[in-house]
């Protein structure tokens, strides 16, 4: 979806939901938005976030990974503002249902465990043990070494988790020295699925709006 962060969700731009939750989180000292879009920058400022720089065009492509974007932000505020945070919480605007407590708990877990980073996860809805692949039109198990007879009921499946993209917390020192943003000793912060929806398509918008509407009733 083009310019997805400006799309209205329950009457507010999508990015506003993440900014508002961030500002309410006691462990966050500063909320910075990295964007190349002037309108997103203006709306972010109106919502209370800082936009001290505009992201370079070469770091604003669809296939740009998180690491160079994160490094650019940290290096810019260090050079221009002499601002050196210890921890960065990477909060994607596409996860508007995350709670303040999810951000707070992930940061606290990083500090308590002294891990390299903490990433939010949720339990999978569609278990890979039951997934299939196609060989022409023939249906074959995706995981060939798993006996489906052993896991014929959902309750028998071992719990598995996926990265939901809601909260990633990492030490700034690691961001600046590593080639990967989230590496080393990675710990999980488990979130309930009802707070873990990631908006990628118009259909996802419909789902999240329905959830928000139900919560208002």
N, C-alpha and C. Protein backbone atom coordinates (compact mmCIF):
# COMPACT_ATOMS: atom_id res chain seq x y z
N UNK A 1 0.84 -1.19 0.00
CA UNK A 1 0.00 0.00 0.00
C UNK A 1 0.88 1.25 0.00
N UNK A 2 0.74 2.11 -1.01
CA UNK A 2 1.56 3.32 -1.06
C UNK A 2 1.22 4.28 0.08
N UNK A 3 2.25 4.84 0.69
CA UNK A 3 2.12 5.80 1.79
C UNK A 3 1.17 5.27 2.88
N UNK A 4 1.36 4.03 3.20
CA UNK A 4 0.50 3.33 4.16
C UNK A 4 0.46 4.02 5.52
N UNK A 5 1.57 4.62 5.92
CA UNK A 5 1.63 5.22 7.25
C UNK A 5 0.69 6.41 7.43
N UNK A 6 0.20 6.96 6.31
CA UNK A 6 -0.73 8.09 6.39
C UNK A 6 -2.19 7.65 6.29
N UNK A 7 -2.41 6.39 5.95
CA UNK A 7 -3.79 5.90 5.82
C UNK A 7 -4.51 6.00 7.16
N UNK A 8 -5.78 6.40 7.10
CA UNK A 8 -6.54 6.59 8.33
C UNK A 8 -7.01 5.25 8.89
N UNK A 9 -6.73 5.06 10.16
CA UNK A 9 -7.18 3.88 10.89
C UNK A 9 -8.03 4.37 12.05
N UNK A 10 -9.32 4.08 12.01
CA UNK A 10 -10.25 4.56 13.05
C UNK A 10 -10.11 6.07 13.25
N UNK A 11 -9.94 6.79 12.14
CA UNK A 11 -9.93 8.25 12.18
C UNK A 11 -8.57 8.89 12.40
N UNK A 12 -7.52 8.09 12.61
CA UNK A 12 -6.18 8.65 12.83
C UNK A 12 -5.20 8.05 11.83
N UNK A 13 -4.18 8.82 11.41
CA UNK A 13 -3.15 8.25 10.55
C UNK A 13 -2.51 7.04 11.24
N UNK A 14 -2.19 6.04 10.46
CA UNK A 14 -1.64 4.81 11.02
C UNK A 14 -0.44 5.09 11.93
N UNK A 15 0.45 5.97 11.51
CA UNK A 15 1.67 6.21 12.28
C UNK A 15 1.36 6.84 13.64
N UNK A 16 0.22 7.53 13.75
CA UNK A 16 -0.13 8.19 15.01
C UNK A 16 -0.30 7.19 16.14
N UNK A 17 -0.81 6.01 15.84
CA UNK A 17 -1.05 5.00 16.89
C UNK A 17 0.26 4.60 17.58
N UNK A 18 1.31 4.43 16.79
CA UNK A 18 2.60 4.04 17.36
C UNK A 18 3.24 5.19 18.13
N UNK A 19 3.15 6.40 17.58
CA UNK A 19 3.73 7.55 18.26
C UNK A 19 3.05 7.77 19.61
N UNK A 20 1.73 7.71 19.64
CA UNK A 20 1.00 7.95 20.89
C UNK A 20 1.35 6.92 21.95
N UNK A 21 1.46 5.66 21.56
CA UNK A 21 1.84 4.62 22.53
C UNK A 21 3.27 4.86 23.03
N UNK A 22 4.14 5.26 22.14
CA UNK A 22 5.54 5.49 22.52
C UNK A 22 5.66 6.62 23.52
N UNK A 23 4.91 7.69 23.30
CA UNK A 23 4.98 8.85 24.19
C UNK A 23 4.45 8.53 25.58
N UNK A 24 3.58 7.54 25.67
CA UNK A 24 3.01 7.15 26.97
C UNK A 24 3.89 6.15 27.72
N UNK A 25 4.94 5.69 27.08
CA UNK A 25 5.81 4.67 27.69
C UNK A 25 6.88 5.35 28.55
N UNK A 26 6.90 5.04 29.83
CA UNK A 26 7.78 5.72 30.78
C UNK A 26 9.26 5.47 30.51
N UNK A 27 9.58 4.35 29.90
CA UNK A 27 10.99 4.02 29.69
C UNK A 27 11.59 4.70 28.46
N UNK A 28 10.77 5.34 27.65
CA UNK A 28 11.25 5.99 26.44
C UNK A 28 11.49 7.47 26.70
N UNK A 29 12.71 7.91 26.44
CA UNK A 29 13.08 9.31 26.67
C UNK A 29 12.75 10.19 25.46
N UNK A 30 12.79 9.60 24.28
CA UNK A 30 12.61 10.41 23.08
C UNK A 30 12.03 9.55 21.96
N UNK A 31 11.07 10.09 21.24
CA UNK A 31 10.45 9.38 20.12
C UNK A 31 10.88 10.08 18.83
N UNK A 32 11.63 9.37 18.01
CA UNK A 32 12.17 9.91 16.76
C UNK A 32 11.57 9.15 15.59
N UNK A 33 11.10 9.87 14.61
CA UNK A 33 10.58 9.27 13.37
C UNK A 33 11.58 9.52 12.25
N UNK A 34 11.96 8.45 11.57
CA UNK A 34 12.83 8.54 10.40
C UNK A 34 11.97 8.38 9.15
N UNK A 35 11.93 9.43 8.32
CA UNK A 35 11.13 9.39 7.10
C UNK A 35 11.71 10.33 6.05
N UNK A 36 11.43 10.03 4.80
CA UNK A 36 11.81 10.92 3.70
C UNK A 36 10.62 11.73 3.20
N UNK A 37 9.45 11.44 3.78
CA UNK A 37 8.19 12.03 3.33
C UNK A 37 7.84 13.26 4.18
N UNK A 38 7.69 14.44 3.53
CA UNK A 38 7.44 15.67 4.27
C UNK A 38 6.10 15.63 5.01
N UNK A 39 5.08 15.02 4.40
CA UNK A 39 3.78 14.97 5.05
C UNK A 39 3.81 14.06 6.27
N UNK A 40 4.49 12.92 6.16
CA UNK A 40 4.63 12.04 7.32
C UNK A 40 5.40 12.76 8.42
N UNK A 41 6.41 13.52 8.04
CA UNK A 41 7.19 14.27 9.02
C UNK A 41 6.30 15.28 9.75
N UNK A 42 5.48 16.00 9.01
CA UNK A 42 4.60 17.01 9.62
C UNK A 42 3.59 16.36 10.58
N UNK A 43 2.97 15.27 10.15
CA UNK A 43 1.98 14.60 10.99
C UNK A 43 2.66 14.01 12.23
N UNK A 44 3.86 13.49 12.07
CA UNK A 44 4.60 12.93 13.21
C UNK A 44 4.88 14.01 14.24
N UNK A 45 5.26 15.18 13.78
CA UNK A 45 5.51 16.30 14.71
C UNK A 45 4.21 16.71 15.41
N UNK A 46 3.11 16.76 14.65
CA UNK A 46 1.82 17.11 15.24
C UNK A 46 1.42 16.12 16.34
N UNK A 47 1.84 14.87 16.17
CA UNK A 47 1.51 13.83 17.15
C UNK A 47 2.45 13.84 18.35
N UNK A 48 3.52 14.65 18.28
CA UNK A 48 4.43 14.77 19.41
C UNK A 48 5.79 14.15 19.25
N UNK A 49 6.06 13.56 18.08
CA UNK A 49 7.36 12.93 17.85
C UNK A 49 8.37 13.95 17.34
N UNK A 50 9.65 13.64 17.48
CA UNK A 50 10.72 14.44 16.90
C UNK A 50 11.04 13.93 15.51
N UNK A 51 11.25 14.86 14.59
CA UNK A 51 11.75 14.51 13.25
C UNK A 51 12.93 15.44 12.98
N UNK A 52 14.08 15.15 13.56
CA UNK A 52 15.22 16.07 13.49
C UNK A 52 15.94 16.06 12.15
N UNK A 53 15.62 15.10 11.30
CA UNK A 53 16.28 14.99 9.99
C UNK A 53 15.31 14.35 9.01
N UNK A 54 15.61 14.46 7.73
CA UNK A 54 14.88 13.74 6.70
C UNK A 54 15.74 12.59 6.22
N UNK A 55 15.16 11.44 6.12
CA UNK A 55 15.92 10.26 5.71
C UNK A 55 16.38 10.40 4.25
N UNK A 56 17.64 10.05 3.95
CA UNK A 56 18.13 10.12 2.57
C UNK A 56 17.32 9.21 1.63
N UNK A 57 17.20 9.63 0.40
CA UNK A 57 16.43 8.88 -0.59
C UNK A 57 16.96 7.46 -0.76
N UNK A 58 18.28 7.31 -0.72
CA UNK A 58 18.86 5.98 -0.92
C UNK A 58 18.54 5.02 0.21
N UNK A 59 18.04 5.53 1.33
CA UNK A 59 17.63 4.68 2.45
C UNK A 59 16.11 4.58 2.57
N UNK A 60 15.41 4.95 1.50
CA UNK A 60 13.95 5.00 1.56
C UNK A 60 13.28 4.15 0.50
N UNK A 61 14.00 3.17 0.01
CA UNK A 61 13.43 2.28 -1.00
C UNK A 61 12.66 1.14 -0.33
N UNK A 62 11.82 0.47 -1.09
CA UNK A 62 11.00 -0.61 -0.53
C UNK A 62 11.84 -1.76 0.01
N UNK A 63 13.02 -1.96 -0.59
CA UNK A 63 13.86 -3.09 -0.18
C UNK A 63 14.98 -2.68 0.78
N UNK A 64 14.91 -1.47 1.32
CA UNK A 64 15.94 -1.02 2.25
C UNK A 64 15.79 -1.75 3.59
N UNK A 65 16.84 -2.42 4.07
CA UNK A 65 16.73 -3.11 5.36
C UNK A 65 16.74 -2.13 6.53
N UNK A 66 16.42 -2.64 7.71
CA UNK A 66 16.32 -1.78 8.90
C UNK A 66 17.68 -1.23 9.35
N UNK A 67 18.73 -2.03 9.25
CA UNK A 67 20.01 -1.65 9.84
C UNK A 67 20.54 -0.30 9.36
N UNK A 68 20.68 -0.05 8.04
CA UNK A 68 21.21 1.25 7.62
C UNK A 68 20.32 2.42 8.01
N UNK A 69 19.02 2.20 8.07
CA UNK A 69 18.10 3.25 8.50
C UNK A 69 18.34 3.58 9.98
N UNK A 70 18.48 2.55 10.77
CA UNK A 70 18.72 2.72 12.20
C UNK A 70 20.07 3.38 12.45
N UNK A 71 21.07 2.92 11.74
CA UNK A 71 22.41 3.50 11.90
C UNK A 71 22.43 4.97 11.50
N UNK A 72 21.76 5.30 10.41
CA UNK A 72 21.71 6.70 9.97
C UNK A 72 21.12 7.59 11.06
N UNK A 73 20.02 7.14 11.65
CA UNK A 73 19.38 7.94 12.70
C UNK A 73 20.33 8.14 13.89
N UNK A 74 20.96 7.06 14.33
CA UNK A 74 21.84 7.15 15.49
C UNK A 74 23.07 8.00 15.21
N UNK A 75 23.64 7.85 14.02
CA UNK A 75 24.83 8.62 13.66
C UNK A 75 24.49 10.10 13.48
N UNK A 76 23.28 10.38 12.98
CA UNK A 76 22.89 11.79 12.76
C UNK A 76 22.72 12.50 14.10
N UNK A 77 21.99 11.89 15.02
CA UNK A 77 21.75 12.58 16.30
C UNK A 77 23.04 12.66 17.12
N UNK A 78 23.95 11.73 16.92
CA UNK A 78 25.24 11.80 17.61
C UNK A 78 26.08 12.95 17.07
N UNK A 79 26.10 13.08 15.75
CA UNK A 79 26.93 14.11 15.12
C UNK A 79 26.35 15.51 15.29
N UNK A 80 25.02 15.64 15.11
CA UNK A 80 24.41 16.97 15.09
C UNK A 80 23.88 17.43 16.45
N UNK A 81 23.62 16.51 17.34
CA UNK A 81 23.03 16.87 18.63
C UNK A 81 23.82 16.36 19.83
N UNK A 82 24.87 15.62 19.55
CA UNK A 82 25.65 15.00 20.63
C UNK A 82 24.75 14.18 21.55
N UNK A 83 23.81 13.49 20.94
CA UNK A 83 22.82 12.68 21.67
C UNK A 83 23.17 11.21 21.50
N UNK A 84 23.38 10.52 22.63
CA UNK A 84 23.87 9.15 22.58
C UNK A 84 23.01 8.25 23.47
N UNK A 85 21.90 7.73 22.97
CA UNK A 85 21.07 6.82 23.78
C UNK A 85 21.75 5.48 23.97
N UNK A 86 21.36 4.77 25.00
CA UNK A 86 21.90 3.44 25.27
C UNK A 86 21.12 2.34 24.56
N UNK A 87 19.81 2.54 24.45
CA UNK A 87 18.92 1.52 23.91
C UNK A 87 18.01 2.15 22.86
N UNK A 88 17.72 1.39 21.82
CA UNK A 88 16.74 1.84 20.85
C UNK A 88 15.61 0.81 20.77
N UNK A 89 14.38 1.31 20.84
CA UNK A 89 13.20 0.46 20.62
C UNK A 89 12.70 0.74 19.21
N UNK A 90 12.79 -0.25 18.36
CA UNK A 90 12.43 -0.12 16.94
C UNK A 90 10.95 -0.47 16.82
N UNK A 91 10.11 0.54 16.59
CA UNK A 91 8.67 0.36 16.60
C UNK A 91 8.10 0.67 15.22
N UNK A 92 7.63 -0.36 14.55
CA UNK A 92 7.09 -0.19 13.20
C UNK A 92 5.65 0.33 13.26
N UNK A 93 5.32 1.32 12.44
CA UNK A 93 3.96 1.88 12.45
C UNK A 93 2.88 0.89 12.04
N UNK A 94 3.28 -0.22 11.43
CA UNK A 94 2.31 -1.19 10.93
C UNK A 94 1.71 -2.07 12.02
N UNK A 95 2.12 -1.86 13.27
CA UNK A 95 1.59 -2.67 14.39
C UNK A 95 0.88 -1.75 15.38
N UNK A 96 -0.28 -1.22 15.03
CA UNK A 96 -0.94 -0.21 15.86
C UNK A 96 -1.60 -0.75 17.12
N UNK A 97 -1.77 -2.06 17.22
CA UNK A 97 -2.48 -2.62 18.37
C UNK A 97 -1.57 -2.92 19.55
N UNK A 98 -0.27 -2.80 19.36
CA UNK A 98 0.64 -3.04 20.49
C UNK A 98 0.29 -2.12 21.65
N UNK A 99 0.52 -2.59 22.85
CA UNK A 99 0.20 -1.82 24.05
C UNK A 99 1.45 -1.12 24.59
N UNK A 100 1.21 -0.12 25.41
CA UNK A 100 2.33 0.55 26.09
C UNK A 100 3.11 -0.48 26.90
N UNK A 101 2.41 -1.38 27.56
CA UNK A 101 3.08 -2.38 28.39
C UNK A 101 3.95 -3.33 27.58
N UNK A 102 3.63 -3.52 26.30
CA UNK A 102 4.47 -4.37 25.46
C UNK A 102 5.83 -3.72 25.23
N UNK A 103 5.82 -2.42 24.97
CA UNK A 103 7.08 -1.70 24.78
C UNK A 103 7.87 -1.70 26.09
N UNK A 104 7.21 -1.35 27.16
CA UNK A 104 7.86 -1.26 28.47
C UNK A 104 8.47 -2.60 28.88
N UNK A 105 7.70 -3.66 28.71
CA UNK A 105 8.16 -4.98 29.15
C UNK A 105 9.34 -5.47 28.32
N UNK A 106 9.33 -5.17 27.02
CA UNK A 106 10.44 -5.60 26.16
C UNK A 106 11.73 -4.87 26.55
N UNK A 107 11.63 -3.58 26.84
CA UNK A 107 12.80 -2.82 27.26
C UNK A 107 13.31 -3.34 28.60
N UNK A 108 12.41 -3.57 29.52
CA UNK A 108 12.81 -4.08 30.84
C UNK A 108 13.48 -5.45 30.73
N UNK A 109 12.99 -6.28 29.82
CA UNK A 109 13.59 -7.61 29.67
C UNK A 109 15.00 -7.51 29.12
N UNK A 110 15.23 -6.57 28.20
CA UNK A 110 16.59 -6.38 27.67
C UNK A 110 17.54 -5.99 28.80
N UNK A 111 17.11 -5.08 29.64
CA UNK A 111 17.96 -4.61 30.74
C UNK A 111 18.19 -5.71 31.77
N UNK A 112 17.13 -6.43 32.11
CA UNK A 112 17.24 -7.47 33.14
C UNK A 112 18.09 -8.65 32.68
N UNK A 113 17.93 -9.08 31.44
CA UNK A 113 18.64 -10.26 30.95
C UNK A 113 20.03 -9.93 30.43
N UNK A 114 20.25 -8.62 30.10
CA UNK A 114 21.51 -8.20 29.48
C UNK A 114 21.76 -8.94 28.16
N UNK A 115 20.67 -9.36 27.52
CA UNK A 115 20.77 -9.98 26.20
C UNK A 115 21.19 -8.94 25.17
N UNK A 116 21.48 -9.38 23.95
CA UNK A 116 21.83 -8.43 22.89
C UNK A 116 20.60 -7.71 22.36
N UNK A 117 19.48 -8.42 22.29
CA UNK A 117 18.24 -7.77 21.86
C UNK A 117 17.04 -8.59 22.30
N UNK A 118 15.88 -7.94 22.30
CA UNK A 118 14.61 -8.59 22.61
C UNK A 118 13.66 -8.32 21.46
N UNK A 119 12.98 -9.38 20.99
CA UNK A 119 12.07 -9.24 19.85
C UNK A 119 10.70 -9.79 20.24
N UNK A 120 9.66 -9.08 19.84
CA UNK A 120 8.31 -9.53 20.17
C UNK A 120 7.86 -10.63 19.22
N UNK A 121 7.19 -11.62 19.77
CA UNK A 121 6.70 -12.76 18.99
C UNK A 121 5.28 -13.08 19.42
N UNK A 122 4.60 -13.84 18.57
CA UNK A 122 3.27 -14.37 18.88
C UNK A 122 3.22 -15.82 18.43
N UNK A 123 2.32 -16.57 19.02
CA UNK A 123 2.17 -17.98 18.65
C UNK A 123 1.58 -18.08 17.25
N UNK A 124 2.09 -19.00 16.44
CA UNK A 124 1.65 -19.11 15.05
C UNK A 124 0.20 -19.58 14.97
N UNK A 125 -0.53 -19.05 13.98
CA UNK A 125 -1.90 -19.49 13.73
C UNK A 125 -1.91 -20.74 12.86
N UNK A 126 -1.00 -20.80 11.92
CA UNK A 126 -0.94 -21.92 10.98
C UNK A 126 0.38 -22.64 11.18
N UNK A 127 0.31 -23.79 11.79
CA UNK A 127 1.51 -24.51 12.18
C UNK A 127 2.21 -25.14 10.97
N UNK A 128 3.53 -24.98 10.85
CA UNK A 128 4.25 -25.53 9.70
C UNK A 128 4.20 -27.05 9.61
N UNK A 129 3.95 -27.73 10.74
CA UNK A 129 3.86 -29.20 10.69
C UNK A 129 2.70 -29.64 9.81
N UNK A 130 1.68 -28.79 9.69
CA UNK A 130 0.52 -29.14 8.88
C UNK A 130 0.52 -28.47 7.51
N UNK A 131 1.52 -27.67 7.23
CA UNK A 131 1.55 -26.97 5.95
C UNK A 131 1.95 -27.90 4.82
N UNK A 132 1.56 -27.50 3.61
CA UNK A 132 1.80 -28.33 2.42
C UNK A 132 2.58 -27.54 1.37
N UNK A 133 3.20 -28.29 0.47
CA UNK A 133 3.81 -27.71 -0.72
C UNK A 133 3.26 -28.44 -1.94
N UNK A 134 3.36 -27.80 -3.09
CA UNK A 134 2.84 -28.39 -4.31
C UNK A 134 3.97 -28.86 -5.22
N UNK A 135 3.83 -30.07 -5.72
CA UNK A 135 4.70 -30.59 -6.77
C UNK A 135 3.78 -30.80 -7.97
N UNK A 136 3.80 -29.81 -8.88
CA UNK A 136 2.75 -29.68 -9.88
C UNK A 136 1.43 -29.51 -9.14
N UNK A 137 0.50 -30.46 -9.22
CA UNK A 137 -0.73 -30.30 -8.44
C UNK A 137 -0.83 -31.30 -7.30
N UNK A 138 0.27 -32.00 -7.05
CA UNK A 138 0.28 -32.99 -5.98
C UNK A 138 0.60 -32.31 -4.65
N UNK A 139 -0.19 -32.60 -3.63
CA UNK A 139 -0.05 -32.01 -2.31
C UNK A 139 0.93 -32.84 -1.49
N UNK A 140 2.03 -32.22 -1.03
CA UNK A 140 3.05 -32.91 -0.27
C UNK A 140 3.33 -32.17 1.03
N UNK A 141 3.80 -32.88 2.06
CA UNK A 141 4.11 -32.21 3.33
C UNK A 141 5.23 -31.18 3.14
N UNK A 142 5.09 -30.05 3.78
CA UNK A 142 6.15 -29.05 3.74
C UNK A 142 7.36 -29.53 4.53
N UNK A 143 7.11 -30.14 5.69
CA UNK A 143 8.20 -30.68 6.50
C UNK A 143 8.19 -32.20 6.37
N UNK A 144 9.06 -32.70 5.56
CA UNK A 144 9.02 -34.11 5.18
C UNK A 144 9.33 -35.05 6.33
N UNK A 145 10.08 -34.58 7.32
CA UNK A 145 10.49 -35.48 8.40
C UNK A 145 9.49 -35.52 9.55
N UNK A 146 8.33 -34.87 9.37
CA UNK A 146 7.33 -34.85 10.43
C UNK A 146 6.17 -35.76 10.08
N UNK A 147 5.81 -36.62 11.02
CA UNK A 147 4.71 -37.55 10.82
C UNK A 147 3.42 -36.89 11.28
N UNK A 148 2.53 -36.61 10.33
CA UNK A 148 1.27 -35.93 10.67
C UNK A 148 0.40 -36.76 11.61
N UNK A 149 0.57 -38.07 11.59
CA UNK A 149 -0.22 -38.92 12.47
C UNK A 149 0.13 -38.66 13.93
N UNK A 150 1.36 -38.20 14.15
CA UNK A 150 1.79 -37.93 15.52
C UNK A 150 1.14 -36.66 16.06
N UNK A 151 0.78 -35.75 15.14
CA UNK A 151 0.20 -34.47 15.53
C UNK A 151 -1.15 -34.29 14.85
N UNK A 152 -2.04 -35.23 15.08
CA UNK A 152 -3.33 -35.21 14.39
C UNK A 152 -4.31 -34.23 15.02
N UNK A 153 -4.00 -33.72 16.21
CA UNK A 153 -4.83 -32.70 16.85
C UNK A 153 -3.98 -31.47 17.13
N UNK A 154 -4.60 -30.29 17.03
CA UNK A 154 -3.88 -29.03 17.24
C UNK A 154 -3.23 -28.98 18.61
N UNK A 155 -3.88 -29.55 19.61
CA UNK A 155 -3.35 -29.50 20.97
C UNK A 155 -2.03 -30.27 21.12
N UNK A 156 -1.76 -31.18 20.19
CA UNK A 156 -0.53 -31.97 20.26
C UNK A 156 0.67 -31.28 19.61
N UNK A 157 0.41 -30.21 18.86
CA UNK A 157 1.49 -29.53 18.15
C UNK A 157 2.39 -28.78 19.13
N UNK A 158 3.71 -28.85 18.95
CA UNK A 158 4.61 -28.07 19.81
C UNK A 158 4.43 -26.58 19.52
N UNK A 159 4.41 -25.74 20.54
CA UNK A 159 4.20 -24.31 20.29
C UNK A 159 5.34 -23.70 19.49
N UNK A 160 4.99 -22.94 18.48
CA UNK A 160 5.97 -22.22 17.67
C UNK A 160 5.55 -20.76 17.58
N UNK A 161 6.52 -19.90 17.34
CA UNK A 161 6.27 -18.47 17.39
C UNK A 161 6.82 -17.79 16.14
N UNK A 162 6.19 -16.67 15.78
CA UNK A 162 6.67 -15.88 14.65
C UNK A 162 6.98 -14.46 15.14
N UNK A 163 7.90 -13.79 14.46
CA UNK A 163 8.21 -12.40 14.77
C UNK A 163 7.05 -11.53 14.30
N UNK A 164 6.40 -10.83 15.22
CA UNK A 164 5.22 -10.06 14.82
C UNK A 164 5.53 -8.61 14.44
N UNK A 165 6.78 -8.19 14.61
CA UNK A 165 7.19 -6.85 14.16
C UNK A 165 6.74 -5.71 15.04
N UNK A 166 6.17 -6.00 16.19
CA UNK A 166 5.61 -4.94 17.03
C UNK A 166 6.68 -4.18 17.82
N UNK A 167 7.62 -4.92 18.44
CA UNK A 167 8.64 -4.30 19.28
C UNK A 167 9.96 -5.04 19.10
N UNK A 168 11.00 -4.31 18.74
CA UNK A 168 12.36 -4.84 18.73
C UNK A 168 13.21 -3.88 19.55
N UNK A 169 13.91 -4.40 20.54
CA UNK A 169 14.70 -3.56 21.43
C UNK A 169 16.15 -4.04 21.40
N UNK A 170 17.07 -3.12 21.22
CA UNK A 170 18.47 -3.51 21.06
C UNK A 170 19.38 -2.43 21.65
N UNK A 171 20.55 -2.85 22.11
CA UNK A 171 21.55 -1.89 22.60
C UNK A 171 22.12 -1.13 21.41
N UNK A 172 22.25 0.18 21.56
CA UNK A 172 22.77 1.02 20.49
C UNK A 172 24.18 0.59 20.11
N UNK A 173 24.98 0.22 21.08
CA UNK A 173 26.34 -0.23 20.81
C UNK A 173 26.36 -1.38 19.81
N UNK A 174 25.41 -2.30 19.95
CA UNK A 174 25.35 -3.44 19.03
C UNK A 174 24.95 -3.00 17.63
N UNK A 175 24.04 -2.05 17.55
CA UNK A 175 23.60 -1.56 16.23
C UNK A 175 24.78 -0.98 15.47
N UNK A 176 25.64 -0.25 16.16
CA UNK A 176 26.73 0.46 15.50
C UNK A 176 27.91 -0.45 15.15
N UNK A 177 28.01 -1.60 15.81
CA UNK A 177 29.19 -2.43 15.56
C UNK A 177 28.89 -3.71 14.79
N UNK A 178 27.63 -4.14 14.77
CA UNK A 178 27.29 -5.42 14.14
C UNK A 178 26.86 -5.22 12.68
N UNK A 179 26.96 -6.27 11.89
CA UNK A 179 26.50 -6.23 10.51
C UNK A 179 25.02 -6.57 10.40
N UNK A 180 24.47 -7.14 11.45
CA UNK A 180 23.04 -7.43 11.50
C UNK A 180 22.44 -6.67 12.67
N UNK A 181 21.20 -6.21 12.48
CA UNK A 181 20.56 -5.41 13.52
C UNK A 181 20.18 -6.24 14.73
N UNK A 182 19.61 -7.41 14.50
CA UNK A 182 19.13 -8.25 15.59
C UNK A 182 19.88 -9.56 15.55
N UNK A 183 20.94 -9.66 16.34
CA UNK A 183 21.80 -10.84 16.31
C UNK A 183 22.35 -11.09 17.71
N UNK A 184 23.09 -12.21 17.85
CA UNK A 184 23.67 -12.54 19.14
C UNK A 184 22.67 -13.24 20.04
N UNK A 185 22.64 -12.85 21.30
CA UNK A 185 21.72 -13.43 22.28
C UNK A 185 20.37 -12.73 22.14
N UNK A 186 19.46 -13.36 21.44
CA UNK A 186 18.15 -12.76 21.15
C UNK A 186 17.09 -13.41 22.05
N UNK A 187 16.38 -12.60 22.82
CA UNK A 187 15.33 -13.10 23.70
C UNK A 187 13.95 -12.74 23.14
N UNK A 188 12.96 -13.50 23.55
CA UNK A 188 11.60 -13.30 23.06
C UNK A 188 10.73 -12.61 24.09
N UNK A 189 9.92 -11.69 23.62
CA UNK A 189 8.84 -11.15 24.42
C UNK A 189 7.55 -11.61 23.75
N UNK A 190 6.78 -12.45 24.42
CA UNK A 190 5.60 -13.07 23.83
C UNK A 190 4.39 -12.16 24.01
N UNK A 191 3.73 -11.86 22.88
CA UNK A 191 2.54 -11.00 22.89
C UNK A 191 1.30 -11.80 22.52
N UNK A 192 0.15 -11.48 23.10
CA UNK A 192 -1.10 -12.14 22.69
C UNK A 192 -1.42 -11.78 21.23
N UNK A 193 -2.03 -12.69 20.50
CA UNK A 193 -2.32 -12.42 19.08
C UNK A 193 -3.23 -11.24 18.85
N UNK A 194 -4.12 -10.94 19.80
CA UNK A 194 -5.06 -9.83 19.60
C UNK A 194 -4.39 -8.46 19.63
N UNK A 195 -3.11 -8.42 20.02
CA UNK A 195 -2.37 -7.15 20.01
C UNK A 195 -1.22 -7.19 18.99
N UNK A 196 -1.23 -8.19 18.13
CA UNK A 196 -0.07 -8.44 17.27
C UNK A 196 -0.34 -8.31 15.78
N UNK A 197 -1.50 -7.81 15.39
CA UNK A 197 -1.81 -7.70 13.97
C UNK A 197 -0.84 -6.73 13.29
N UNK A 198 -0.29 -7.17 12.15
CA UNK A 198 0.64 -6.36 11.36
C UNK A 198 -0.06 -5.95 10.07
N UNK A 199 -0.19 -4.66 9.84
CA UNK A 199 -0.92 -4.18 8.67
C UNK A 199 -0.01 -4.12 7.45
N UNK A 200 -0.38 -4.89 6.44
CA UNK A 200 0.39 -4.91 5.20
C UNK A 200 -0.50 -4.65 3.99
N UNK A 201 -1.78 -4.99 4.09
CA UNK A 201 -2.70 -4.86 2.97
C UNK A 201 -3.96 -4.13 3.41
N UNK A 202 -4.81 -3.79 2.44
CA UNK A 202 -6.10 -3.16 2.76
C UNK A 202 -6.96 -4.10 3.60
N UNK A 203 -6.87 -5.40 3.35
CA UNK A 203 -7.63 -6.37 4.14
C UNK A 203 -7.20 -6.34 5.60
N UNK A 204 -5.89 -6.17 5.84
CA UNK A 204 -5.40 -6.05 7.21
C UNK A 204 -6.01 -4.83 7.90
N UNK A 205 -6.17 -3.74 7.15
CA UNK A 205 -6.81 -2.55 7.71
C UNK A 205 -8.23 -2.87 8.18
N UNK A 206 -8.94 -3.62 7.37
CA UNK A 206 -10.32 -3.98 7.71
C UNK A 206 -10.35 -4.78 9.02
N UNK A 207 -9.42 -5.72 9.16
CA UNK A 207 -9.37 -6.55 10.35
C UNK A 207 -9.08 -5.71 11.59
N UNK A 208 -8.07 -4.86 11.50
CA UNK A 208 -7.68 -4.05 12.66
C UNK A 208 -8.77 -3.05 13.02
N UNK A 209 -9.41 -2.46 12.03
CA UNK A 209 -10.51 -1.53 12.32
C UNK A 209 -11.65 -2.26 13.02
N UNK A 210 -11.92 -3.49 12.61
CA UNK A 210 -12.97 -4.27 13.27
C UNK A 210 -12.60 -4.56 14.72
N UNK A 211 -11.34 -4.85 14.97
CA UNK A 211 -10.88 -5.10 16.34
C UNK A 211 -11.05 -3.84 17.19
N UNK A 212 -10.64 -2.70 16.65
CA UNK A 212 -10.76 -1.45 17.39
C UNK A 212 -12.21 -1.09 17.66
N UNK A 213 -13.06 -1.32 16.68
CA UNK A 213 -14.48 -1.03 16.84
C UNK A 213 -15.09 -1.92 17.92
N UNK A 214 -14.69 -3.17 17.94
CA UNK A 214 -15.22 -4.11 18.95
C UNK A 214 -14.78 -3.69 20.35
N UNK A 215 -13.57 -3.16 20.47
CA UNK A 215 -13.10 -2.73 21.78
C UNK A 215 -13.81 -1.49 22.27
N UNK A 216 -14.33 -0.69 21.35
CA UNK A 216 -15.06 0.51 21.75
C UNK A 216 -16.48 0.21 22.20
N UNK A 217 -17.01 -0.93 21.76
CA UNK A 217 -18.40 -1.27 22.09
C UNK A 217 -18.52 -1.66 23.56
